[in-house]
């Protein structure tokens, strides 16, 4: 004898006949069903007692309203097979603009009821809660459920505009309920008040592709439009990963910079003081004695420090290789001004300047210097010229750090834009607007 457990018994649907048109009406919710809509004439029937009554006759929207998931369709969600037994269209108004969404009633004889809601391609799989969520004190209403805080998003009044199938309540066209939505994406907490009763429900965001796969529906779902209230941000996890990667790469960059700094020679190959005066005649340009940078090819830093005071000077410079004749020509301007304006002192410029010459090979070099100053006034200056080889420069590392930080910043900005779009549809947007 096999010891395996027997499969659950097959629960059969019940059939009755519509009082309005006489057509057959199948009940799949069994003893839970209180109202059902005739699929032939769309009359709403009260089946809560053995004496079936008509609650509402022909609905105006029957011709143009078709559920995306047909009644009787079965699908598997969270490892449970559910059957679509009811469908309704609900609507709210915001600043005179109507916004409608669809709701599907799902049933499993062993797990009870669940709900699917769909608005502009955004879906939620919903279950009712047996307990009232705890209120979180604060400036904005909030509720606590299963250790998660949900922020209030929107208060609205929802009206049912169309019903189809069967329901565990007397669902009919025109019934209204006040709705408060609280969000903690990807979850949505809702409170519905109708006829003095409050029902709390908890929904989780699903994509259209997930719904189509769960119910094996033909074709493709409609593309989701806009940002829905509990839609998870597609950038959130990505931004965190990018920031972590940035910190790791920044640490690696800092280690490289440290090694580069420690290994740099900083060898001084030339240092002399010179003077220049506009009052003396003769050729202002001159060449320095020959100096020899040794070792591997590296950069060369030239520093000029002057005693300028409210004056300027320009230096035409050339670093010349005596052996090959190769020359690096460049110019530097040094200016320093200061004063007092209205009791506030100010300064502009500085008395020093420097320049880097990259990739200078070893050899014998001399420097040609040609200073210039304002020829209209008699002035003089003294200045020091210092040349060092293999001096660490951090421009590359700064550029690399800036490039590395751009992707996480862009991703963070996208998160901000996504959240702005989300809350623009809420009661807490800077300007009102939006819908369900």
Protein backbone atom coordinates (compact mmCIF):
# COMPACT_ATOMS: atom_id res chain seq x y z
CA UNK A 1 0.00 0.00 0.00
CA UNK A 2 1.27 3.45 -0.87
CA UNK A 3 1.84 5.79 2.08
CA UNK A 4 1.57 8.99 -0.01
CA UNK A 5 -1.20 11.42 0.98
CA UNK A 6 -4.25 11.66 -1.23
CA UNK A 7 -4.70 14.79 -3.37
CA UNK A 8 -7.22 17.37 -2.15
CA UNK A 9 -10.77 16.69 -3.31
CA UNK A 10 -11.93 18.42 -6.48
CA UNK A 11 -14.40 21.18 -5.62
CA UNK A 12 -17.09 21.58 -8.25
CA UNK A 13 -18.75 24.82 -9.28
CA UNK A 14 -22.46 25.42 -8.70
CA UNK A 15 -24.81 26.59 -11.47
CA UNK A 16 -27.97 28.70 -11.17
CA UNK A 17 -30.11 30.57 -13.70
CA UNK A 18 -30.41 34.33 -14.10
CA UNK A 19 -33.76 35.78 -13.06
CA UNK A 20 -33.37 38.54 -15.66
CA UNK A 21 -32.55 36.57 -18.83
CA UNK A 22 -32.72 32.92 -17.78
CA UNK A 23 -29.12 32.23 -18.76
CA UNK A 24 -26.87 29.90 -16.74
CA UNK A 25 -24.65 31.49 -14.09
CA UNK A 26 -21.79 29.48 -12.62
CA UNK A 27 -20.68 30.04 -9.02
CA UNK A 28 -17.02 29.30 -8.29
CA UNK A 29 -16.79 30.93 -4.86
CA UNK A 30 -19.29 28.52 -3.36
CA UNK A 31 -20.67 29.53 0.05
CA UNK A 32 -18.52 32.70 0.08
CA UNK A 33 -20.35 34.32 -2.85
CA UNK A 34 -22.95 36.98 -1.97
CA UNK A 35 -23.46 38.53 -5.42
CA UNK A 36 -22.81 37.47 -9.01
CA UNK A 37 -23.10 39.16 -12.40
CA UNK A 38 -24.86 37.29 -15.19
CA UNK A 39 -22.38 36.88 -18.07
CA UNK A 40 -25.21 37.16 -20.63
CA UNK A 41 -27.18 40.25 -19.55
CA UNK A 42 -24.83 41.67 -16.87
CA UNK A 43 -27.59 41.82 -14.28
CA UNK A 44 -26.26 41.79 -10.70
CA UNK A 45 -27.85 38.95 -8.68
CA UNK A 46 -28.02 38.58 -4.91
CA UNK A 47 -27.27 34.91 -4.11
CA UNK A 48 -26.83 35.29 -0.36
CA UNK A 49 -30.14 33.49 0.23
CA UNK A 50 -31.86 30.59 -1.54
CA UNK A 51 -34.29 33.16 -3.02
CA UNK A 52 -32.08 34.78 -5.65
CA UNK A 53 -32.86 38.48 -6.24
CA UNK A 54 -31.84 41.01 -8.86
CA UNK A 55 -29.73 43.78 -7.28
CA UNK A 56 -29.04 45.74 -10.46
CA UNK A 57 -30.00 45.36 -14.09
CA UNK A 58 -28.09 45.98 -17.35
CA UNK A 59 -24.88 48.06 -16.95
CA UNK A 60 -24.14 50.76 -19.49
CA UNK A 61 -20.41 49.95 -19.62
CA UNK A 62 -20.86 46.28 -20.54
CA UNK A 63 -20.11 46.74 -24.26
CA UNK A 64 -16.79 48.50 -23.89
CA UNK A 65 -15.45 46.99 -20.65
CA UNK A 66 -13.50 43.77 -21.07
CA UNK A 67 -11.14 42.39 -18.41
CA UNK A 68 -7.56 41.79 -19.53
CA UNK A 69 -7.69 38.47 -17.64
CA UNK A 70 -10.93 36.65 -18.60
CA UNK A 71 -13.11 35.24 -15.83
CA UNK A 72 -12.36 31.59 -15.18
CA UNK A 73 -8.66 31.98 -16.01
CA UNK A 74 -6.33 30.21 -13.62
CA UNK A 75 -2.82 31.25 -12.74
CA UNK A 76 -0.10 30.43 -10.24
CA UNK A 77 1.08 33.17 -7.91
CA UNK A 78 3.28 32.54 -4.86
CA UNK A 79 3.02 28.79 -5.54
CA UNK A 80 -0.79 28.78 -5.24
CA UNK A 81 -3.22 28.33 -8.12
CA UNK A 82 -5.83 31.09 -8.24
CA UNK A 83 -8.93 31.43 -10.40
CA UNK A 84 -10.29 34.78 -11.56
CA UNK A 85 -13.95 34.85 -10.46
CA UNK A 86 -14.72 38.58 -10.26
CA UNK A 87 -13.85 41.81 -12.00
CA UNK A 88 -14.69 45.43 -11.27
CA UNK A 89 -13.71 48.86 -12.52
CA UNK A 90 -13.23 51.60 -9.92
CA UNK A 91 -12.73 55.31 -10.33
CA UNK A 92 -11.62 58.38 -8.41
CA UNK A 93 -11.69 62.06 -9.34
CA UNK A 94 -8.80 64.46 -8.83
CA UNK A 95 -9.47 68.12 -9.64
CA UNK A 96 -12.36 67.06 -11.86
CA UNK A 97 -10.31 64.51 -13.82
CA UNK A 98 -11.46 60.85 -13.54
CA UNK A 99 -8.89 58.07 -13.07
CA UNK A 100 -9.99 54.45 -13.42
CA UNK A 101 -8.33 51.16 -12.53
CA UNK A 102 -9.27 47.48 -12.72
CA UNK A 103 -9.57 45.01 -9.87
CA UNK A 104 -9.73 41.22 -10.17
CA UNK A 105 -11.04 38.88 -7.49
CA UNK A 106 -9.03 35.65 -7.21
CA UNK A 107 -10.22 32.53 -5.40
CA UNK A 108 -8.76 29.26 -4.22
CA UNK A 109 -11.05 26.93 -2.22
CA UNK A 110 -8.24 26.16 0.25
CA UNK A 111 -6.62 29.61 0.57
CA UNK A 112 -9.60 31.92 0.17
CA UNK A 113 -9.54 35.23 -1.71
CA UNK A 114 -6.84 37.47 -3.12
CA UNK A 115 -7.04 40.52 -5.37
CA UNK A 116 -5.22 41.90 -8.39
CA UNK A 117 -5.32 45.61 -9.22
CA UNK A 118 -4.09 47.18 -12.46
CA UNK A 119 -3.61 50.82 -13.41
CA UNK A 120 -1.82 51.92 -16.60
CA UNK A 121 0.13 48.65 -16.79
CA UNK A 122 1.08 48.61 -13.08
CA UNK A 123 -0.15 45.54 -11.12
CA UNK A 124 -0.52 44.69 -7.42
CA UNK A 125 -1.17 41.30 -5.82
CA UNK A 126 -3.24 42.04 -2.71
CA UNK A 127 -4.30 40.22 0.46
CA UNK A 128 -6.51 41.42 3.29
CA UNK A 129 -5.04 41.90 6.76
CA UNK A 130 -6.69 40.42 9.86
CA UNK A 131 -5.37 43.15 12.17
CA UNK A 132 -5.42 46.94 12.17
CA UNK A 133 -1.89 48.30 11.50
CA UNK A 134 -0.31 50.30 14.31
CA UNK A 135 -0.24 54.08 13.92
CA UNK A 136 3.19 55.74 13.83
CA UNK A 137 3.12 59.26 15.35
CA UNK A 138 4.55 62.06 13.25
CA UNK A 139 3.79 65.02 11.01
CA UNK A 140 2.68 62.73 8.17
CA UNK A 141 0.36 59.76 8.83
CA UNK A 142 2.16 56.42 8.85
CA UNK A 143 1.38 52.81 9.75
CA UNK A 144 3.50 49.88 10.90
CA UNK A 145 2.92 46.40 9.44
CA UNK A 146 5.20 43.39 9.96
CA UNK A 147 8.05 45.67 11.03
CA UNK A 148 7.78 47.92 7.97
CA UNK A 149 6.73 51.58 8.15
CA UNK A 150 4.31 52.74 5.46
CA UNK A 151 4.01 56.48 4.67
CA UNK A 152 0.65 57.97 3.77
CA UNK A 153 0.40 58.63 0.05
CA UNK A 154 -3.16 59.54 -0.92
CA UNK A 155 -6.72 59.89 0.36
CA UNK A 156 -9.51 59.43 -2.19
CA UNK A 157 -13.11 58.38 -2.71
CA UNK A 158 -13.46 55.38 -5.04
CA UNK A 159 -16.65 54.57 -6.97
CA UNK A 160 -17.38 51.24 -8.64
CA UNK A 161 -18.37 51.84 -12.26
CA UNK A 162 -18.59 48.25 -13.51
CA UNK A 163 -18.79 44.73 -12.05
CA UNK A 164 -18.55 41.28 -13.60
CA UNK A 165 -18.44 37.81 -12.05
CA UNK A 166 -19.02 36.97 -8.40
CA UNK A 167 -18.01 38.58 -5.12
CA UNK A 168 -18.10 37.77 -1.40
CA UNK A 169 -19.98 41.04 -0.86
CA UNK A 170 -22.95 42.65 -2.60
CA UNK A 171 -20.85 44.35 -5.27
CA UNK A 172 -22.74 46.60 -7.63
CA UNK A 173 -22.29 49.61 -9.83
CA UNK A 174 -22.26 52.93 -7.97
CA UNK A 175 -21.02 51.75 -4.57
CA UNK A 176 -18.44 54.07 -3.01
CA UNK A 177 -15.64 53.75 -0.47
CA UNK A 178 -13.06 56.13 0.97
CA UNK A 179 -9.53 54.88 0.42
CA UNK A 180 -6.24 55.75 2.14
CA UNK A 181 -3.03 54.44 0.59
CA UNK A 182 0.26 54.07 2.47
CA UNK A 183 3.45 53.02 0.66
CA UNK A 184 6.75 51.29 1.34
CA UNK A 185 7.80 50.28 -2.20
CA UNK A 186 7.33 47.67 -3.49
CA UNK A 187 4.40 47.28 -1.05
CA UNK A 188 1.13 49.16 -0.78
CA UNK A 189 -1.03 49.33 2.37
CA UNK A 190 -4.65 50.40 1.85
CA UNK A 191 -7.59 51.12 4.14
CA UNK A 192 -11.10 51.07 2.61
CA UNK A 193 -14.07 52.44 4.54
CA UNK A 194 -17.53 51.44 3.36
CA UNK A 195 -20.79 51.24 5.31
CA UNK A 196 -19.00 51.86 8.60
CA UNK A 197 -16.55 49.00 8.06
CA UNK A 198 -12.77 49.38 7.52
CA UNK A 199 -10.87 46.73 5.57
CA UNK A 200 -7.07 46.81 5.53
CA UNK A 201 -5.16 45.18 2.69
CA UNK A 202 -1.51 44.75 1.74
CA UNK A 203 -0.39 44.67 -1.89
CA UNK A 204 2.92 43.95 -3.60
CA UNK A 205 3.97 45.37 -6.96
CA UNK A 206 4.05 43.00 -9.95
CA UNK A 207 5.00 43.79 -13.53
CA UNK A 208 2.75 43.04 -16.46
CA UNK A 209 5.25 40.45 -17.68
CA UNK A 210 5.00 38.59 -14.35
CA UNK A 211 1.18 38.57 -14.53
CA UNK A 212 1.15 37.38 -18.14
CA UNK A 213 3.53 34.55 -17.26
CA UNK A 214 1.58 33.57 -14.12
CA UNK A 215 -1.73 33.29 -16.01
CA UNK A 216 -0.24 32.09 -19.32
CA UNK A 217 -2.00 34.92 -21.17
CA UNK A 218 -1.55 35.34 -24.94
CA UNK A 219 0.32 38.27 -26.46
CA UNK A 220 2.14 40.87 -24.42
CA UNK A 221 0.94 43.13 -21.58
CA UNK A 222 0.44 46.84 -22.04
CA UNK A 223 3.52 48.89 -21.33
CA UNK A 224 3.48 50.51 -17.89
CA UNK A 225 2.91 54.27 -18.08
CA UNK A 226 4.48 56.71 -15.62
CA UNK A 227 5.59 55.94 -12.06
CA UNK A 228 3.11 54.13 -9.82
CA UNK A 229 2.78 54.84 -6.11
CA UNK A 230 4.51 51.65 -4.87
CA UNK A 231 6.57 50.88 -7.97
CA UNK A 232 10.13 50.00 -6.89
CA UNK A 233 12.82 52.28 -8.26
CA UNK A 234 14.88 50.53 -10.95
CA UNK A 235 17.90 52.61 -9.90
CA UNK A 236 17.92 52.04 -6.13
CA UNK A 237 20.06 48.89 -5.83
CA UNK A 238 22.16 49.97 -8.78
CA UNK A 239 23.09 53.28 -7.15
CA UNK A 240 24.16 51.56 -3.93
CA UNK A 241 26.32 49.10 -5.85
CA UNK A 242 27.86 51.97 -7.84
CA UNK A 243 28.71 53.92 -4.68
CA UNK A 244 30.33 50.81 -3.13
CA UNK A 245 32.32 50.23 -6.32
CA UNK A 246 33.33 53.92 -6.35
CA UNK A 247 34.66 53.67 -2.77
CA UNK A 248 36.69 50.56 -3.64
CA UNK A 249 38.13 52.18 -6.76
CA UNK A 250 38.81 55.41 -4.87
CA UNK A 251 40.73 53.41 -2.26
CA UNK A 252 42.73 51.74 -5.05
CA UNK A 253 43.38 55.16 -6.60
CA UNK A 254 44.56 56.52 -3.25
CA UNK A 255 46.93 53.56 -2.87
CA UNK A 256 48.33 54.21 -6.34
CA UNK A 257 48.75 57.90 -5.50
CA UNK A 258 50.58 57.01 -2.28
CA UNK A 259 52.98 54.70 -4.13
CA UNK A 260 53.51 57.35 -6.79
CA UNK A 261 54.28 59.96 -4.13
CA UNK A 262 56.69 57.73 -2.21
CA UNK A 263 58.60 56.66 -5.34
CA UNK A 264 58.98 60.22 -6.70
CA UNK A 265 62.60 61.52 -6.67
CA UNK A 266 61.94 65.29 -6.21
CA UNK A 267 65.58 65.96 -7.21
CA UNK A 268 66.59 69.62 -7.40
CA UNK A 269 68.74 70.12 -10.52
CA UNK A 270 68.91 73.92 -10.70
CA UNK A 271 68.33 76.83 -8.30
CA UNK A 272 69.49 80.46 -8.70
CA UNK A 273 68.40 84.00 -7.83
CA UNK A 274 68.27 86.66 -10.53
CA UNK A 275 67.35 90.34 -10.72
CA UNK A 276 65.71 92.41 -13.41
CA UNK A 277 65.14 96.16 -13.75
CA UNK A 278 63.38 98.11 -16.47
CA UNK A 279 65.75 101.04 -15.96
CA UNK A 280 68.84 99.26 -17.24
CA UNK A 281 69.57 98.84 -20.92
CA UNK A 282 70.85 95.84 -22.76
CA UNK A 283 69.42 92.50 -23.76
CA UNK A 284 67.14 91.16 -20.99
CA UNK A 285 67.37 87.51 -22.08
CA UNK A 286 70.12 85.19 -20.81
CA UNK A 287 70.88 81.49 -20.43
CA UNK A 288 71.66 79.61 -17.27
CA UNK A 289 74.61 77.31 -16.64
CA UNK A 290 74.16 73.74 -17.86
CA UNK A 291 72.51 71.30 -15.42
CA UNK A 292 71.94 67.56 -15.71
CA UNK A 293 68.70 65.74 -14.80
CA UNK A 294 69.67 62.08 -14.34
CA UNK A 295 67.80 58.82 -14.25
CA UNK A 296 64.66 57.72 -16.06
CA UNK A 297 62.50 59.99 -18.21
CA UNK A 298 60.23 61.99 -15.89
CA UNK A 299 58.51 65.30 -15.51
CA UNK A 300 60.28 68.54 -14.63
CA UNK A 301 58.80 71.29 -12.45
CA UNK A 302 59.97 74.90 -12.86
CA UNK A 303 59.13 77.30 -10.03
CA UNK A 304 59.45 81.08 -10.07
CA UNK A 305 59.22 83.08 -6.85
CA UNK A 306 59.38 86.90 -7.05
CA UNK A 307 59.23 89.88 -4.72
CA UNK A 308 56.63 91.67 -6.87
CA UNK A 309 54.46 94.18 -5.01
CA UNK A 310 51.51 95.73 -6.89
CA UNK A 311 53.19 94.88 -10.14
CA UNK A 312 53.46 92.21 -12.81
CA UNK A 313 56.14 90.39 -14.78
CA UNK A 314 56.15 88.03 -17.72
CA UNK A 315 58.79 85.36 -18.34
CA UNK A 316 59.59 83.92 -21.78
CA UNK A 317 61.23 80.59 -21.01
CA UNK A 318 62.80 77.72 -22.95
CA UNK A 319 64.24 74.49 -21.61
CA UNK A 320 66.89 73.37 -24.14
CA UNK A 321 68.70 70.05 -24.42
CA UNK A 322 72.33 70.91 -25.14
CA UNK A 323 73.03 67.46 -26.67
CA UNK A 324 70.08 67.24 -29.08
CA UNK A 325 68.93 70.83 -29.46
CA UNK A 326 65.35 69.94 -28.52
CA UNK A 327 63.61 72.84 -26.82
CA UNK A 328 60.44 73.26 -24.71
CA UNK A 329 59.23 76.86 -25.13
CA UNK A 330 56.64 78.32 -22.74
CA UNK A 331 55.77 81.52 -20.90
CA UNK A 332 54.54 82.37 -17.39
CA UNK A 333 52.98 85.54 -16.01
CA UNK A 334 53.32 86.49 -12.34
CA UNK A 335 51.32 89.37 -10.86
CA UNK A 336 50.51 90.43 -7.34
CA UNK A 337 48.27 93.30 -6.28
CA UNK A 338 46.74 94.26 -2.95
CA UNK A 339 45.02 97.20 -1.36
CA UNK A 340 42.17 98.46 0.79
CA UNK A 341 38.68 99.29 -0.46
CA UNK A 342 36.14 100.83 1.92
CA UNK A 343 37.92 99.46 4.96
CA UNK A 344 38.21 95.96 3.48
CA UNK A 345 41.60 94.69 2.34
CA UNK A 346 41.91 92.69 -0.85
CA UNK A 347 44.54 90.76 -2.79
CA UNK A 348 44.78 89.49 -6.34
CA UNK A 349 47.24 87.02 -7.86
CA UNK A 350 50.42 85.91 -6.15
CA UNK A 351 54.19 86.32 -6.10
CA UNK A 352 54.93 82.76 -7.30
CA UNK A 353 54.08 80.47 -10.20
CA UNK A 354 55.09 77.04 -11.44
CA UNK A 355 54.79 74.84 -14.52
CA UNK A 356 55.28 71.12 -15.23
CA UNK A 357 57.04 69.86 -18.34
CA UNK A 358 56.18 66.19 -18.89
CA UNK A 359 58.48 63.39 -20.04
CA UNK A 360 61.88 65.05 -20.02
CA UNK A 361 64.69 62.50 -20.65
CA UNK A 362 68.04 62.66 -18.86
CA UNK A 363 70.76 64.78 -20.45
CA UNK A 364 72.48 68.17 -20.34
CA UNK A 365 70.13 71.18 -20.29
CA UNK A 366 70.14 74.92 -19.90
CA UNK A 367 67.34 77.41 -19.45
CA UNK A 368 66.83 80.55 -21.54
CA UNK A 369 65.08 83.29 -19.53
CA UNK A 370 63.68 86.56 -20.88
CA UNK A 371 61.80 88.63 -18.26
CA UNK A 372 59.46 91.54 -19.10
CA UNK A 373 57.84 94.27 -16.96
CA UNK A 374 55.92 97.47 -17.57
CA UNK A 375 58.33 99.67 -19.57
CA UNK A 376 56.44 102.86 -18.67
CA UNK A 377 57.64 102.78 -15.08
CA UNK A 378 61.05 102.21 -13.57
CA UNK A 379 60.88 99.14 -11.38
CA UNK A 380 63.00 96.17 -10.44
CA UNK A 381 62.48 92.73 -9.02
CA UNK A 382 64.44 89.80 -7.77
CA UNK A 383 63.26 86.30 -8.47
CA UNK A 384 64.31 82.74 -7.72
CA UNK A 385 64.17 80.02 -10.38
CA UNK A 386 64.15 76.42 -9.17
CA UNK A 387 63.99 73.26 -11.30
CA UNK A 388 63.18 69.82 -9.89
CA UNK A 389 62.82 66.51 -11.70
CA UNK A 390 60.41 63.63 -10.94
CA UNK A 391 57.95 65.68 -8.91
CA UNK A 392 54.61 64.03 -8.04
CA UNK A 393 51.60 65.65 -9.69
CA UNK A 394 48.03 64.67 -8.82
CA UNK A 395 46.12 66.00 -11.82
CA UNK A 396 45.66 62.52 -13.28
CA UNK A 397 44.35 61.17 -9.98
CA UNK A 398 41.96 64.11 -9.60
CA UNK A 399 40.58 63.60 -13.12
CA UNK A 400 40.25 59.86 -12.49
CA UNK A 401 38.37 60.46 -9.22
CA UNK A 402 36.00 62.90 -10.96
CA UNK A 403 35.30 60.40 -13.74
CA UNK A 404 34.72 57.60 -11.22
CA UNK A 405 32.19 59.60 -9.20
CA UNK A 406 30.06 60.57 -12.21
CA UNK A 407 28.18 57.20 -12.62
CA UNK A 408 27.00 56.94 -8.97
CA UNK A 409 26.01 60.62 -8.96
CA UNK A 410 23.96 60.15 -12.14
CA UNK A 411 22.33 57.03 -10.68
CA UNK A 412 21.50 58.88 -7.45
CA UNK A 413 20.01 61.75 -9.45
CA UNK A 414 17.85 59.24 -11.33
CA UNK A 415 16.59 57.90 -7.99
CA UNK A 416 15.70 61.45 -6.97
CA UNK A 417 13.89 62.08 -10.25
CA UNK A 418 12.01 58.77 -9.91
CA UNK A 419 10.89 59.60 -6.35
CA UNK A 420 9.89 63.10 -7.41
CA UNK A 421 7.71 61.62 -10.14
CA UNK A 422 6.20 59.19 -7.62
CA UNK A 423 5.27 61.78 -4.99
CA UNK A 424 4.03 64.21 -7.63
CA UNK A 425 0.97 61.93 -7.82
CA UNK A 426 0.36 62.02 -4.06
CA UNK A 427 -1.39 64.33 -1.60
CA UNK A 428 2.05 65.67 -0.63
CA UNK A 429 3.26 66.91 -4.00
CA UNK A 430 4.41 70.55 -4.32
CA UNK A 431 1.57 71.00 -6.82
CA UNK A 432 -1.54 68.85 -6.78
CA UNK A 433 -2.39 66.48 -9.58
CA UNK A 434 -2.33 62.85 -10.59
CA UNK A 435 -4.55 59.93 -9.94
CA UNK A 436 -4.70 56.41 -8.62
